[in-house]
Protein backbone atom coordinates (compact mmCIF):
# COMPACT_ATOMS: atom_id res chain seq x y z
CA MET A 1 0.02 0.18 -0.13
CA ALA A 2 1.24 3.35 -1.13
CA THR A 3 2.60 5.89 1.57
CA LEU A 4 1.05 9.31 1.90
CA GLU A 5 4.47 10.78 0.73
CA GLU A 6 4.08 8.56 -2.32
CA MET A 7 0.49 9.76 -2.99
CA LEU A 8 1.26 13.33 -2.55
CA VAL A 9 4.19 12.94 -5.49
CA TYR A 10 1.93 11.04 -7.80
CA SER A 11 1.72 12.78 -11.05
CA PHE A 12 -1.41 13.34 -13.38
CA GLY A 13 -2.76 16.31 -15.33
CA GLY A 14 0.82 17.76 -15.64
CA ASN A 15 0.86 18.22 -11.87
CA ILE A 16 1.66 16.06 -8.66
CA ALA A 17 -0.92 15.52 -5.93
CA ARG A 18 0.88 17.98 -3.58
CA ASP A 19 0.18 20.81 -6.04
CA TYR A 20 -3.58 19.88 -6.03
CA VAL A 21 -3.76 19.76 -2.20
CA PHE A 22 -1.99 23.43 -2.11
CA ALA A 23 -4.46 24.63 -4.77
CA LEU A 24 -7.33 23.10 -2.97
CA GLY A 25 -6.14 24.64 0.15
CA ALA A 26 -5.79 28.13 -1.35
CA PHE A 27 -9.24 27.76 -2.75
CA ILE A 28 -10.75 27.04 0.46
CA ILE A 29 -8.68 29.73 2.53
CA SER A 30 -9.66 32.38 -0.08
CA VAL A 31 -13.39 31.70 0.25
CA LEU A 32 -13.19 31.55 4.16
CA VAL A 33 -11.40 34.99 3.96
CA LEU A 34 -13.94 36.46 1.52
CA ARG A 35 -16.63 34.92 3.72
CA ILE A 36 -15.36 36.75 6.81
CA PHE A 37 -14.93 39.90 5.03
CA LYS A 38 -18.54 39.76 3.74
CA PHE A 39 -20.28 38.82 6.77
CA ALA A 40 -18.10 39.76 9.75
CA ILE A 41 -16.25 43.00 8.45
CA ILE A 42 -18.89 44.43 6.30
CA GLY A 43 -21.78 43.47 8.98
CA ARG A 44 -19.82 45.18 11.59
CA LEU A 45 -19.27 48.38 9.33
CA LYS A 46 -22.96 48.25 8.12
CA ALA A 47 -23.92 48.46 12.08
CA LEU A 48 -21.40 51.56 12.60
CA SER A 49 -22.70 53.30 9.55
CA LYS A 50 -26.17 53.51 10.96
CA ILE A 51 -24.75 55.74 13.80
CA THR A 52 -23.12 58.18 11.56
CA LYS A 53 -25.09 61.37 10.26
CA THR A 54 -23.86 60.99 6.77
CA ASP A 55 -25.28 58.37 4.49
CA LEU A 56 -22.26 58.13 2.07
CA ASP A 57 -20.92 55.28 4.20
CA ASP A 58 -23.98 53.49 3.84
CA LEU A 59 -23.74 53.81 0.06
CA ALA A 60 -20.40 52.52 -0.02
CA ILE A 61 -21.11 49.53 2.18
CA GLU A 62 -24.30 48.89 0.03
CA ILE A 63 -22.30 48.93 -3.15
CA ILE A 64 -19.64 46.58 -1.43
CA GLY A 65 -22.50 44.22 -0.17
CA LYS A 66 -23.99 44.00 -3.66
CA ILE A 67 -20.98 41.92 -4.71
CA GLY A 68 -22.28 38.38 -5.13
CA TRP A 69 -20.76 35.00 -4.02
CA PRO A 70 -20.38 33.64 -7.65
CA PHE A 71 -17.69 36.47 -8.09
CA TYR A 72 -16.15 35.50 -4.80
CA PHE A 73 -15.94 31.93 -5.80
CA LEU A 74 -14.33 32.81 -9.22
CA VAL A 75 -11.67 34.87 -7.43
CA SER A 76 -11.11 31.95 -5.11
CA PHE A 77 -10.84 29.61 -7.90
CA TYR A 78 -8.54 31.92 -9.81
CA ILE A 79 -6.15 32.08 -6.76
CA GLY A 80 -6.27 28.25 -6.20
CA ILE A 81 -5.24 27.44 -9.80
CA LYS A 82 -2.17 29.54 -9.54
CA PHE A 83 -0.48 26.73 -7.43
CA ILE A 84 -0.92 24.19 -10.51
CA PHE A 85 -0.25 23.93 -14.29
CA VAL A 86 -3.49 24.41 -16.25
CA PRO A 87 -3.91 24.87 -20.04
CA ASP A 88 -3.40 28.33 -21.42
CA ILE A 89 -6.99 28.42 -22.67
CA LEU A 90 -8.31 27.84 -19.11
CA THR A 91 -6.10 30.66 -17.91
CA MET A 92 -7.30 32.92 -20.60
CA LEU A 93 -10.79 32.07 -20.07
CA LEU A 94 -10.56 32.67 -16.22
CA ASP A 95 -8.88 36.09 -16.99
CA TYR A 96 -11.62 37.04 -19.15
CA ALA A 97 -14.13 35.80 -16.50
CA ILE A 98 -12.46 38.03 -13.81
CA LEU A 99 -12.30 41.13 -16.16
CA ILE A 100 -15.99 40.79 -17.11
CA GLY A 101 -17.01 40.37 -13.31
CA ILE A 102 -14.75 43.59 -12.36
CA ILE A 103 -16.49 45.57 -15.10
CA TYR A 104 -19.79 44.43 -14.35
CA TYR A 105 -19.70 45.32 -10.67
CA ALA A 106 -17.85 48.43 -11.52
CA VAL A 107 -20.73 49.67 -13.65
CA LYS A 108 -23.34 48.66 -11.12
CA SER A 109 -21.28 50.79 -8.56
CA VAL A 110 -21.33 53.54 -10.86
CA GLU A 111 -25.06 53.11 -11.59
CA ARG A 112 -25.67 52.96 -7.72
CA VAL A 113 -23.77 56.30 -7.26
CA LEU A 114 -25.92 57.91 -10.16
CA ASP A 115 -29.08 56.91 -8.47
CA TYR A 116 -27.97 58.42 -5.27
CA ALA A 117 -26.77 61.57 -6.83
CA THR A 118 -30.01 61.91 -8.89
CA GLY A 119 -31.97 61.12 -5.89
CA LYS A 120 -30.57 63.71 -3.80
CA MET A 121 -31.41 66.24 -6.72
CA ALA A 122 -34.80 65.06 -7.00
CA GLN A 123 -35.18 65.35 -3.23
CA LYS A 124 -33.98 68.79 -3.11
CA GLN A 125 -36.20 69.93 -5.92
CA LEU A 126 -39.22 68.33 -4.30
CA LYS A 127 -38.25 70.09 -1.13
CA ASP A 128 -38.25 73.40 -3.02
CA GLU A 129 -41.25 72.78 -5.11
CA LYS A 130 -43.82 70.36 -3.76
CA GLU A 131 -45.07 69.45 -7.22
CA ALA A 132 -41.84 69.79 -9.15
CA ASP A 133 -41.08 67.93 -12.26
CA THR A 134 -38.20 65.43 -12.02
CA SER A 135 -38.63 63.96 -15.51
CA LEU A 136 -35.30 65.96 -16.56
CA ILE A 137 -33.32 64.27 -13.60
CA GLU A 138 -34.55 60.80 -14.61
CA LEU A 139 -33.50 61.45 -18.03
CA LEU A 140 -30.04 62.61 -16.76
CA ASN A 141 -29.73 59.38 -14.78
CA LYS A 142 -30.85 57.01 -17.89
CA MET A 143 -28.08 59.06 -20.17
CA GLY A 144 -25.51 58.45 -17.58
CA LYS A 145 -26.03 55.07 -17.14
CA GLY A 146 -26.08 54.49 -20.73
CA LEU A 147 -22.65 56.29 -21.16
CA VAL A 148 -21.14 54.16 -18.31
CA TRP A 149 -22.23 50.88 -20.06
CA ALA A 150 -21.01 52.23 -23.40
CA ILE A 151 -17.65 53.19 -21.94
CA ALA A 152 -17.52 49.71 -20.00
CA LEU A 153 -18.21 47.82 -23.26
CA LEU A 154 -15.44 49.54 -25.23
CA LEU A 155 -12.84 48.71 -22.22
CA LEU A 156 -14.16 44.97 -22.53
CA LEU A 157 -13.66 45.00 -26.13
CA SER A 158 -10.18 46.71 -25.97
CA ASN A 159 -9.00 44.14 -23.29
CA LEU A 160 -10.28 41.21 -25.30
CA GLY A 161 -7.88 42.27 -28.04
CA TYR A 162 -10.14 44.23 -30.32
CA ASP A 163 -9.14 47.34 -32.11
CA ILE A 164 -11.81 49.81 -30.81
CA THR A 165 -10.36 52.75 -32.92
CA THR A 166 -12.41 51.71 -35.72
CA ILE A 167 -15.51 51.09 -33.63
CA ILE A 168 -15.05 54.72 -31.95
CA ALA A 169 -14.73 56.17 -35.51
CA GLY A 170 -17.83 54.21 -36.68
CA LEU A 171 -19.66 55.49 -33.88
CA GLY A 172 -18.70 59.00 -34.29
CA ILE A 173 -19.83 59.01 -38.03
CA GLY A 174 -23.03 57.37 -36.96
CA GLY A 175 -23.59 59.81 -34.05
CA ILE A 176 -23.09 62.76 -36.45
CA ALA A 177 -25.70 61.37 -39.05
CA ILE A 178 -28.06 60.74 -36.08
CA ALA A 179 -27.67 64.26 -34.63
CA PHE A 180 -28.20 65.72 -38.08
CA ALA A 181 -31.49 63.66 -38.35
CA LEU A 182 -32.82 64.55 -35.02
CA GLN A 183 -31.39 68.06 -34.83
CA ASN A 184 -34.60 69.78 -33.82
CA VAL A 185 -35.34 67.07 -31.10
CA LEU A 186 -31.89 67.18 -29.51
CA THR A 187 -32.02 70.93 -29.59
CA ASP A 188 -35.12 71.00 -27.66
CA ILE A 189 -33.69 68.37 -25.18
CA PHE A 190 -30.52 70.36 -24.63
CA ALA A 191 -32.83 73.54 -24.39
CA SER A 192 -34.64 71.61 -21.45
CA PHE A 193 -31.29 71.24 -19.71
CA THR A 194 -30.93 75.05 -19.86
CA ILE A 195 -34.17 75.59 -18.36
CA TYR A 196 -33.48 73.01 -15.66
CA PHE A 197 -30.06 74.56 -14.68
CA ASP A 198 -30.92 78.24 -15.41
CA LYS A 199 -34.44 78.08 -13.84
CA PRO A 200 -36.17 81.08 -15.80
CA PHE A 201 -39.29 79.55 -14.66
CA ARG A 202 -40.74 76.61 -12.74
CA LYS A 203 -43.68 74.60 -12.56
CA GLY A 204 -46.63 76.86 -11.23
CA ASP A 205 -45.31 80.12 -12.35
CA TYR A 206 -47.42 82.34 -14.40
CA ILE A 207 -45.48 83.34 -17.50
CA VAL A 208 -46.03 85.50 -20.66
CA ILE A 209 -44.41 84.41 -24.12
CA GLY A 210 -45.29 86.87 -26.91
CA ASP A 211 -49.05 87.14 -27.16
CA ASP A 212 -49.79 83.97 -25.08
CA SER A 213 -49.67 83.54 -21.15
CA GLY A 214 -50.58 80.91 -18.53
CA THR A 215 -49.48 78.79 -15.75
CA VAL A 216 -46.73 76.31 -16.27
CA GLN A 217 -48.12 72.81 -15.83
CA LYS A 218 -45.15 70.61 -16.75
CA ILE A 219 -41.58 70.99 -18.16
CA GLY A 220 -40.85 68.03 -20.35
CA ILE A 221 -37.77 66.69 -22.21
CA LYS A 222 -38.93 68.30 -25.47
CA SER A 223 -41.68 70.93 -24.86
CA THR A 224 -43.45 72.59 -21.88
CA ARG A 225 -47.15 72.56 -21.23
CA ILE A 226 -49.05 75.87 -20.09
CA LYS A 227 -52.60 76.16 -19.07
CA THR A 228 -53.83 79.55 -20.35
CA LEU A 229 -56.52 81.59 -18.67
CA GLN A 230 -59.03 80.54 -21.18
CA GLY A 231 -58.60 77.04 -19.77
CA GLU A 232 -56.83 75.27 -22.98
CA GLU A 233 -53.34 73.67 -22.74
CA LEU A 234 -50.60 75.55 -24.87
CA VAL A 235 -47.62 73.11 -25.81
CA VAL A 236 -44.39 75.28 -26.51
CA SER A 237 -41.25 73.72 -27.60
CA ASN A 238 -38.31 74.11 -25.26
CA ARG A 239 -36.13 75.66 -27.82
CA GLU A 240 -38.65 78.36 -28.55
CA LEU A 241 -38.77 79.11 -24.61
CA THR A 242 -34.92 79.69 -24.71
CA GLU A 243 -34.86 81.65 -27.96
CA THR A 244 -37.60 84.37 -26.97
CA ARG A 245 -38.30 86.72 -24.21
CA VAL A 246 -40.38 85.01 -21.16
CA ARG A 247 -41.89 87.37 -18.55
CA ASN A 248 -42.34 85.47 -15.38
CA PHE A 249 -44.76 86.79 -12.75
CA LYS A 250 -44.31 84.71 -10.15
CA LYS A 251 -40.97 86.25 -9.78
CA MET A 252 -42.47 89.57 -9.39
CA LYS A 253 -42.72 90.58 -5.50
CA ASP A 254 -44.05 93.91 -5.72
CA ARG A 255 -46.50 95.36 -8.23
CA ARG A 256 -46.41 99.05 -9.31
CA ILE A 257 -49.59 100.67 -9.86
CA VAL A 258 -50.23 104.11 -11.63
CA LEU A 259 -53.75 105.41 -11.07
CA SER A 260 -55.18 108.45 -12.70
CA VAL A 261 -58.14 110.13 -10.93
CA GLY A 262 -59.91 113.00 -12.38
CA VAL A 263 -62.33 115.63 -10.53
CA THR A 264 -64.33 118.28 -11.81
CA TYR A 265 -63.25 121.97 -12.58
CA GLN A 266 -65.97 123.27 -9.99
CA THR A 267 -63.98 121.26 -6.99
CA PRO A 268 -63.11 124.08 -4.36
CA VAL A 269 -59.38 124.68 -4.18
CA ASP A 270 -59.43 123.82 -0.26
CA LYS A 271 -60.86 120.21 -1.37
CA LEU A 272 -58.15 120.13 -3.91
CA LYS A 273 -55.60 120.42 -1.45
CA LYS A 274 -57.01 117.73 0.83
CA ILE A 275 -56.89 115.03 -1.93
CA PRO A 276 -53.38 114.07 -1.86
CA SER A 277 -53.32 113.25 2.10
CA MET A 278 -56.63 111.62 1.76
CA VAL A 279 -55.59 109.12 -0.82
CA MET A 280 -52.22 108.38 0.75
CA GLY A 281 -54.06 107.67 4.12
CA ILE A 282 -56.40 105.22 2.29
CA ILE A 283 -53.81 103.41 0.59
CA LYS A 284 -51.70 102.89 3.99
CA LYS A 285 -54.90 101.38 5.56
CA VAL A 286 -54.90 98.57 2.93
CA LYS A 287 -52.54 95.58 4.36
CA LEU A 288 -50.84 94.69 1.22
CA ALA A 289 -50.26 98.14 -0.25
CA ASP A 290 -47.59 100.61 0.04
CA PRO A 291 -48.06 104.44 -0.94
CA SER A 292 -45.38 106.00 -3.04
CA ARG A 293 -46.92 109.42 -4.11
CA VAL A 294 -49.94 111.35 -4.86
CA HIS A 295 -49.62 114.71 -7.11
CA PHE A 296 -51.92 117.22 -8.88
CA LYS A 297 -50.53 116.40 -12.23
CA GLU A 298 -52.24 118.41 -14.86
CA PHE A 299 -55.24 120.33 -16.05
CA GLY A 300 -57.06 118.12 -18.46
CA ASP A 301 -59.59 118.86 -21.18
CA SER A 302 -62.64 118.03 -18.81
CA ALA A 303 -60.89 117.29 -15.36
CA LEU A 304 -58.29 118.24 -13.05
CA ILE A 305 -55.94 115.20 -13.01
CA TYR A 306 -54.20 113.61 -9.98
CA GLU A 307 -51.61 110.62 -10.51
CA VAL A 308 -51.60 108.03 -7.81
CA VAL A 309 -48.52 105.62 -7.40
CA TYR A 310 -48.53 102.90 -5.04
CA PHE A 311 -47.16 99.16 -4.81
CA THR A 312 -48.70 95.83 -3.81
CA ARG A 313 -46.65 93.23 -1.91
CA THR A 314 -47.95 90.10 -3.73
CA ASN A 315 -47.29 88.17 -6.89
CA ASP A 316 -50.55 86.46 -6.76
CA TYR A 317 -52.92 88.17 -9.36
CA ALA A 318 -56.22 87.50 -7.46
CA ARG A 319 -54.91 89.26 -4.04
CA TYR A 320 -53.38 92.11 -6.20
CA MET A 321 -56.84 92.74 -7.77
CA ASP A 322 -58.48 92.52 -4.11
CA ALA A 323 -56.10 95.12 -2.84
CA ARG A 324 -56.76 97.35 -5.77
CA GLN A 325 -60.33 97.11 -5.68
CA GLU A 326 -60.18 98.09 -2.05
CA ILE A 327 -58.43 101.05 -2.57
CA ASN A 328 -60.74 102.10 -5.53
CA LEU A 329 -63.82 101.75 -3.46
CA GLU A 330 -62.35 103.57 -0.47
CA ILE A 331 -61.27 106.56 -2.73
CA ALA A 332 -64.91 106.61 -4.20
CA THR A 333 -66.37 106.32 -0.55
CA ALA A 334 -64.15 109.30 0.50
CA PHE A 335 -64.73 111.55 -2.22
CA GLU A 336 -68.57 111.06 -1.75
CA LYS A 337 -68.39 111.97 1.77
CA GLN A 338 -66.23 115.13 0.98
CA GLY A 339 -68.65 116.10 -1.83
CA ILE A 340 -65.96 115.71 -4.42
CA ASP A 341 -67.31 114.88 -7.84
CA MET A 342 -65.16 112.66 -10.30
CA ALA A 343 -65.08 114.08 -13.68
CA TYR A 344 -65.89 112.32 -16.90
CA PRO A 345 -65.38 113.85 -20.45
CA THR A 346 -67.83 116.65 -21.19
CA GLN A 347 -68.34 119.18 -24.16
CA THR A 348 -70.57 121.92 -24.04
CA ILE A 349 -72.16 122.70 -27.48
CA PHE A 350 -73.87 126.30 -27.96
CA MET A 351 -76.61 126.33 -30.63
CA GLY A 352 -79.02 128.95 -32.01
CA LYS A 353 -79.57 132.08 -30.02
CA ASP A 354 -77.45 130.70 -27.06
CA ALA A 355 -74.38 130.94 -29.11
CA PRO A 356 -71.79 133.54 -28.10
CA LYS A 357 -71.85 136.58 -30.51
CA ALA A 358 -68.61 137.76 -32.00
CA LYS A 359 -67.57 141.14 -31.07
CA LYS A 360 -67.84 143.71 -33.78
CA ARG A 361 -64.37 145.67 -34.31
CA LYS A 362 -64.48 149.41 -34.44
CA LYS A 363 -63.56 151.06 -37.67
CA ARG A 364 -60.57 153.24 -37.48
């Protein structure tokens, strides 16, 4: 019967039995080390990460924890065969398998980082605006993931021995052709990026574009939807919104109102002198209004014209109109109490015997 030493030096498959034992031992030790790393060390770090205030460590541990056991076994097997002689084709296949595994988990890690970053952006936008449109952030996320996979595929082909220069050149020519074919669409998409980062308006803002106006309902990838005062939905391309003047009334904190008030020529001078202080006092009593000035501006054709200037501290159109209505009613009430008549266009026409006669000139 053969001794243990004789069995260990027994040769088969181009290696002696001792080499196979060492290879098996290296494989088992590698599996045990990786198991301890995955369950003990990562588990301990995961418990510690819950105590910290930042969530970046949670992200890092989550990424490492996503690495599956098939990859760990593959790495352990790769370490084990280093102790024995194996055919070159098997070594090459294992090298490719390890490379594919590394690239795959690297891409998945970058995807998770992109999800984290875009998720934070969406949370911030929703915090600023309760009904914010996050479709552009989702598009950026998908485009980033697509780009990462494209780069990973090129790296893999390059490491597999393929000449990627030709592929990149072909993609460049194809990309130019696609860009020309989808020029208008791409222009609208890039315009949506401009709107997102520059923020000339947001969802819920009341804007005016040329002869059209309304409330922004949705800022999409290609177009923006606006609900007009008449109730219909107006669809405007993002390119047009970045190339034209947009008046955003939501950004307006104060509204300046210039009001002309005309009183009759029969109004006594003492009452004319009271009108500026009277109107200023009325405006001061209105909650949302700040008076600027009241002046006897000019002698009109049929009225004595006063110019009233004040501001309303609101960008809400309904509240602005409420304040303006309150001031107008109070002015009318005060004038009525003081016996001041507001003027309206009048014209006196003399007919027949009531017409003034022209004076005769004396002859010299």
